[in-house]
Amino acid sequence: MKVAIAQIEAIKGNVEKNIENHLKWIKQAIKNKADMLVFPELSVTGYEPDLAEKLATSQDDVRLDEIQSLSDKNGITIGVGLPTKEENDIFISMIIFQPHKERITYSKQYLYPPEEPIFKAGKNPLVLNFETEIVSPAICYETSNKAHCEFAKRNKATIYIASVLSSINGIDTELKKLSGIAKNNNMVTLMANYVGESGGYKCAGKSSVWDATGKLIGQLDSETEGILIYDTQTKEILKKTK
């Protein structure tokens, strides 16, 4: 299986322009035969909690239809970040597109404390079953909660993918933590992060992949958009940047 992460710079609150950029990197992943591609936390809007209520939508938003079309035509699973709304509750969600299947909304279960006044915690833990791998998606602060990793391990996940915003002040801690998750749970672990600025943070990039021993085996830089693809069979890493 070829699993990929995207490192992007978001335009604050501009859903249409951000989707346009997503499509560019999805097409690059397809060109390189990726089976799955995951973007950073709230990637479609940028990490902008103050705008979340205004921008919140659902997995059925027609603006996402072209992403579904690319998934269907090319057999690729895609995870994008989006604030979603259910009645009066707002969630930090990952919309998961699978070929010829109904979209899945996975909502962040463990919130970063400053997020709690704005967002509701999700209640839908999941793993994704592929032919050769079981993938556990994680959204940022969830990686700090041991229960999230334990659920992944109980469900025999072989790949753990963290969709994050990590700032230049927090990146070293984040990298160390994810290396530990890989090693302690025997899971290939990937992290998709932003570059540029989002939510008032200077984002650190360095989107990475660790093998199941916790060894860093691939990393993008701190400034450039791109994708990082890991082949679970050949153990090869492919980097593509703009």
Protein backbone atom coordinates (compact mmCIF):
# COMPACT_ATOMS: atom_id res chain seq x y z
CA MET A 1 0.00 0.00 0.00
CA LYS A 2 1.19 3.50 -0.81
CA VAL A 3 0.11 5.93 1.89
CA ALA A 4 0.69 9.67 1.56
CA ILE A 5 0.51 12.88 3.58
CA ALA A 6 0.11 16.39 2.20
CA GLN A 7 1.87 19.46 3.59
CA ILE A 8 0.05 22.64 2.53
CA GLU A 9 -0.29 26.34 3.22
CA ALA A 10 -3.92 27.29 3.82
CA ILE A 11 -5.63 30.55 2.87
CA LYS A 12 -7.58 31.69 5.93
CA GLY A 13 -11.26 30.81 5.55
CA ASN A 14 -11.13 30.54 1.74
CA VAL A 15 -12.78 27.19 1.12
CA GLU A 16 -12.81 27.43 -2.67
CA LYS A 17 -9.12 28.34 -3.03
CA ASN A 18 -8.09 25.74 -0.47
CA ILE A 19 -10.05 23.02 -2.28
CA GLU A 20 -8.32 24.06 -5.50
CA ASN A 21 -4.97 23.48 -3.78
CA HIS A 22 -6.17 20.15 -2.41
CA LEU A 23 -7.08 19.01 -5.91
CA LYS A 24 -3.58 19.86 -7.13
CA TRP A 25 -1.95 17.63 -4.51
CA ILE A 26 -4.53 14.87 -4.85
CA LYS A 27 -3.71 14.71 -8.57
CA GLN A 28 0.00 14.56 -7.73
CA ALA A 29 -0.66 11.67 -5.33
CA ILE A 30 -2.72 9.88 -8.00
CA LYS A 31 0.07 10.38 -10.53
CA ASN A 32 2.38 8.59 -8.10
CA LYS A 33 -0.11 5.78 -7.48
CA ALA A 34 -0.91 6.56 -3.84
CA ASP A 35 -3.71 4.50 -2.27
CA MET A 36 -4.43 7.03 0.50
CA LEU A 37 -3.71 10.72 1.07
CA VAL A 38 -4.33 12.72 4.27
CA PHE A 39 -4.20 16.52 4.72
CA PRO A 40 -3.57 18.61 7.89
CA GLU A 41 -6.16 19.43 10.56
CA LEU A 42 -9.02 21.62 9.22
CA SER A 43 -7.15 21.83 5.92
CA VAL A 44 -10.08 23.07 3.82
CA THR A 45 -10.59 26.21 5.92
CA GLY A 46 -7.25 26.52 7.66
CA TYR A 47 -7.05 26.05 11.42
CA GLU A 48 -9.31 28.98 12.31
CA PRO A 49 -11.46 28.22 15.39
CA ASP A 50 -12.90 31.75 15.39
CA LEU A 51 -14.36 31.16 11.92
CA ALA A 52 -15.50 27.59 12.54
CA GLU A 53 -19.15 28.34 13.26
CA LYS A 54 -19.45 30.44 10.12
CA LEU A 55 -17.63 27.93 7.91
CA ALA A 56 -18.96 24.67 9.36
CA THR A 57 -20.66 22.41 6.86
CA SER A 58 -21.17 18.68 6.27
CA GLN A 59 -19.64 15.77 4.38
CA ASP A 60 -22.29 16.27 1.69
CA ASP A 61 -21.21 19.81 0.78
CA VAL A 62 -21.25 19.92 -3.03
CA ARG A 63 -17.97 21.84 -3.04
CA LEU A 64 -16.34 18.53 -2.06
CA ASP A 65 -17.80 16.60 -5.00
CA GLU A 66 -14.70 16.86 -7.19
CA ILE A 67 -12.65 15.25 -4.43
CA GLN A 68 -15.12 12.36 -4.38
CA SER A 69 -14.92 12.11 -8.16
CA LEU A 70 -11.14 11.80 -8.06
CA SER A 71 -11.45 9.15 -5.36
CA ASP A 72 -13.94 7.16 -7.44
CA LYS A 73 -12.02 7.38 -10.71
CA ASN A 74 -8.61 6.59 -9.26
CA GLY A 75 -9.24 4.21 -6.37
CA ILE A 76 -7.73 6.53 -3.78
CA THR A 77 -8.89 7.20 -0.21
CA ILE A 78 -8.58 10.88 0.79
CA GLY A 79 -8.86 12.56 4.21
CA VAL A 80 -9.44 16.34 4.35
CA GLY A 81 -9.98 18.57 7.38
CA LEU A 82 -13.19 20.55 7.82
CA PRO A 83 -15.34 22.01 10.63
CA THR A 84 -18.69 20.23 10.58
CA LYS A 85 -22.00 21.08 12.20
CA GLU A 86 -24.69 18.84 13.65
CA GLU A 87 -27.67 20.73 15.06
CA ASN A 88 -25.97 23.36 17.27
CA ASP A 89 -22.69 21.50 17.76
CA ILE A 90 -19.47 22.25 15.84
CA PHE A 91 -16.83 19.55 15.36
CA ILE A 92 -13.23 19.40 14.15
CA SER A 93 -13.62 16.73 11.51
CA MET A 94 -11.84 14.74 8.86
CA ILE A 95 -14.00 13.94 5.86
CA ILE A 96 -12.88 10.60 4.44
CA PHE A 97 -13.56 9.89 0.78
CA GLN A 98 -13.43 6.25 -0.32
CA PRO A 99 -13.95 5.01 -3.88
CA HIS A 100 -17.65 4.47 -4.62
CA LYS A 101 -18.65 4.60 -0.94
CA GLU A 102 -20.54 7.05 1.24
CA ARG A 103 -18.27 9.67 2.80
CA ILE A 104 -17.28 9.27 6.45
CA THR A 105 -17.09 12.12 8.95
CA TYR A 106 -14.53 11.35 11.64
CA SER A 107 -14.64 13.99 14.40
CA LYS A 108 -11.85 14.79 16.85
CA GLN A 109 -12.56 12.92 20.09
CA TYR A 110 -9.98 14.55 22.35
CA LEU A 111 -9.95 18.34 22.13
CA TYR A 112 -7.07 20.70 22.86
CA PRO A 113 -8.31 22.63 25.95
CA PRO A 114 -8.61 26.05 24.18
CA GLU A 115 -10.87 24.35 21.60
CA GLU A 116 -13.43 23.21 24.16
CA PRO A 117 -15.51 26.44 24.30
CA ILE A 118 -16.03 26.27 20.51
CA PHE A 119 -16.08 22.61 19.55
CA LYS A 120 -17.79 19.44 20.71
CA ALA A 121 -15.83 16.21 21.08
CA GLY A 122 -16.62 13.48 18.57
CA LYS A 123 -17.90 10.06 19.61
CA ASN A 124 -17.07 7.96 16.57
CA PRO A 125 -13.76 6.08 16.93
CA LEU A 126 -12.76 4.21 13.80
CA VAL A 127 -10.06 2.43 11.84
CA LEU A 128 -10.03 1.96 8.07
CA ASN A 129 -9.52 -1.53 6.67
CA PHE A 130 -7.51 -1.92 3.47
CA GLU A 131 -6.40 -5.12 1.77
CA THR A 132 -2.98 -5.20 3.41
CA GLU A 133 -3.14 -2.54 6.15
CA ILE A 134 -5.40 -1.17 8.89
CA VAL A 135 -5.21 2.63 9.21
CA SER A 136 -6.05 4.67 12.31
CA PRO A 137 -6.65 8.39 11.61
CA ALA A 138 -5.84 10.89 14.38
CA ILE A 139 -6.50 14.62 14.58
CA CYS A 140 -3.76 16.62 16.31
CA TYR A 141 -4.27 16.66 20.10
CA GLU A 142 -5.65 13.12 19.97
CA THR A 143 -2.06 11.93 19.68
CA SER A 144 -1.53 13.21 23.25
CA ASN A 145 -4.26 10.96 24.64
CA LYS A 146 -3.12 7.43 25.33
CA ALA A 147 -6.66 6.08 24.88
CA HIS A 148 -6.55 7.02 21.19
CA CYS A 149 -3.45 4.94 20.50
CA GLU A 150 -4.81 2.11 22.62
CA PHE A 151 -7.96 1.96 20.50
CA ALA A 152 -5.81 1.81 17.37
CA LYS A 153 -3.73 -1.01 18.82
CA ARG A 154 -6.77 -3.00 20.00
CA ASN A 155 -8.15 -2.79 16.49
CA LYS A 156 -4.88 -4.07 15.02
CA ALA A 157 -3.94 -0.84 13.24
CA THR A 158 -0.69 -1.09 11.31
CA ILE A 159 -0.61 2.58 10.23
CA TYR A 160 -1.32 5.67 12.36
CA ILE A 161 -1.84 8.96 10.49
CA ALA A 162 -1.90 12.23 12.43
CA SER A 163 -3.54 15.24 10.75
CA VAL A 164 -2.17 18.22 12.69
CA LEU A 165 -1.31 21.85 13.07
CA SER A 166 2.08 21.98 14.79
CA SER A 167 3.77 25.32 15.36
CA ILE A 168 7.47 26.11 15.27
CA ASN A 169 7.38 26.18 19.08
CA GLY A 170 5.74 22.78 19.39
CA ILE A 171 7.23 20.76 16.56
CA ASP A 172 10.15 19.16 18.41
CA THR A 173 7.81 17.80 21.08
CA GLU A 174 5.37 16.63 18.40
CA LEU A 175 8.05 14.75 16.45
CA LYS A 176 9.34 13.03 19.58
CA LYS A 177 5.82 12.05 20.65
CA LEU A 178 4.92 10.54 17.28
CA SER A 179 8.18 8.62 17.12
CA GLY A 180 7.24 7.17 20.50
CA ILE A 181 3.77 6.23 19.28
CA ALA A 182 5.31 4.36 16.35
CA LYS A 183 7.79 2.51 18.54
CA ASN A 184 5.50 1.72 21.48
CA ASN A 185 2.63 0.50 19.32
CA ASN A 186 4.57 -1.10 16.46
CA MET A 187 2.77 1.08 13.89
CA VAL A 188 4.11 2.96 10.90
CA THR A 189 3.24 6.55 11.84
CA LEU A 190 2.76 9.60 9.61
CA MET A 191 2.12 13.27 10.35
CA ALA A 192 0.61 15.83 7.94
CA ASN A 193 1.32 19.44 9.00
CA TYR A 194 0.95 22.95 7.61
CA VAL A 195 3.52 25.45 6.40
CA GLY A 196 2.96 29.22 6.52
CA GLU A 197 0.58 30.67 9.09
CA SER A 198 -2.77 29.42 10.34
CA GLY A 199 -4.85 30.30 13.38
CA GLY A 200 -2.25 32.82 14.50
CA TYR A 201 0.46 30.15 14.59
CA LYS A 202 3.64 29.99 12.55
CA CYS A 203 3.44 26.44 11.26
CA ALA A 204 6.49 24.22 11.29
CA GLY A 205 6.01 21.86 8.35
CA LYS A 206 8.34 18.86 8.72
CA SER A 207 5.57 16.42 7.79
CA SER A 208 7.08 13.04 8.54
CA VAL A 209 6.92 9.26 8.46
CA TRP A 210 8.38 6.86 11.03
CA ASP A 211 8.75 3.12 10.68
CA ALA A 212 7.29 0.74 13.27
CA THR A 213 10.46 1.00 15.39
CA GLY A 214 10.06 4.77 15.72
CA LYS A 215 12.88 5.60 13.31
CA LEU A 216 12.33 8.73 11.19
CA ILE A 217 12.50 7.57 7.58
CA GLY A 218 11.09 10.54 5.65
CA GLN A 219 10.45 14.23 6.23
CA LEU A 220 9.52 17.34 4.26
CA ASP A 221 11.10 20.71 5.02
CA SER A 222 9.72 23.52 7.16
CA GLU A 223 8.62 25.85 4.35
CA THR A 224 7.57 24.02 1.18
CA GLU A 225 4.23 22.50 0.20
CA GLY A 226 4.43 18.90 -0.93
CA ILE A 227 3.47 15.28 -0.44
CA LEU A 228 5.36 12.43 1.15
CA ILE A 229 4.50 8.89 0.01
CA TYR A 230 5.49 5.71 1.84
CA ASP A 231 5.26 2.29 0.19
CA THR A 232 4.55 -0.29 2.88
CA GLN A 233 5.80 -3.15 0.70
CA THR A 234 9.07 -1.78 -0.69
CA LYS A 235 9.67 0.60 2.29
CA GLU A 236 10.52 3.32 -0.21
CA ILE A 237 9.84 7.02 0.41
CA LEU A 238 8.87 9.46 -2.34
CA LYS A 239 8.84 13.23 -1.88
CA LYS A 240 7.08 15.60 -4.27
CA THR A 241 7.19 19.35 -3.73
CA LYS A 242 6.05 22.31 -5.78
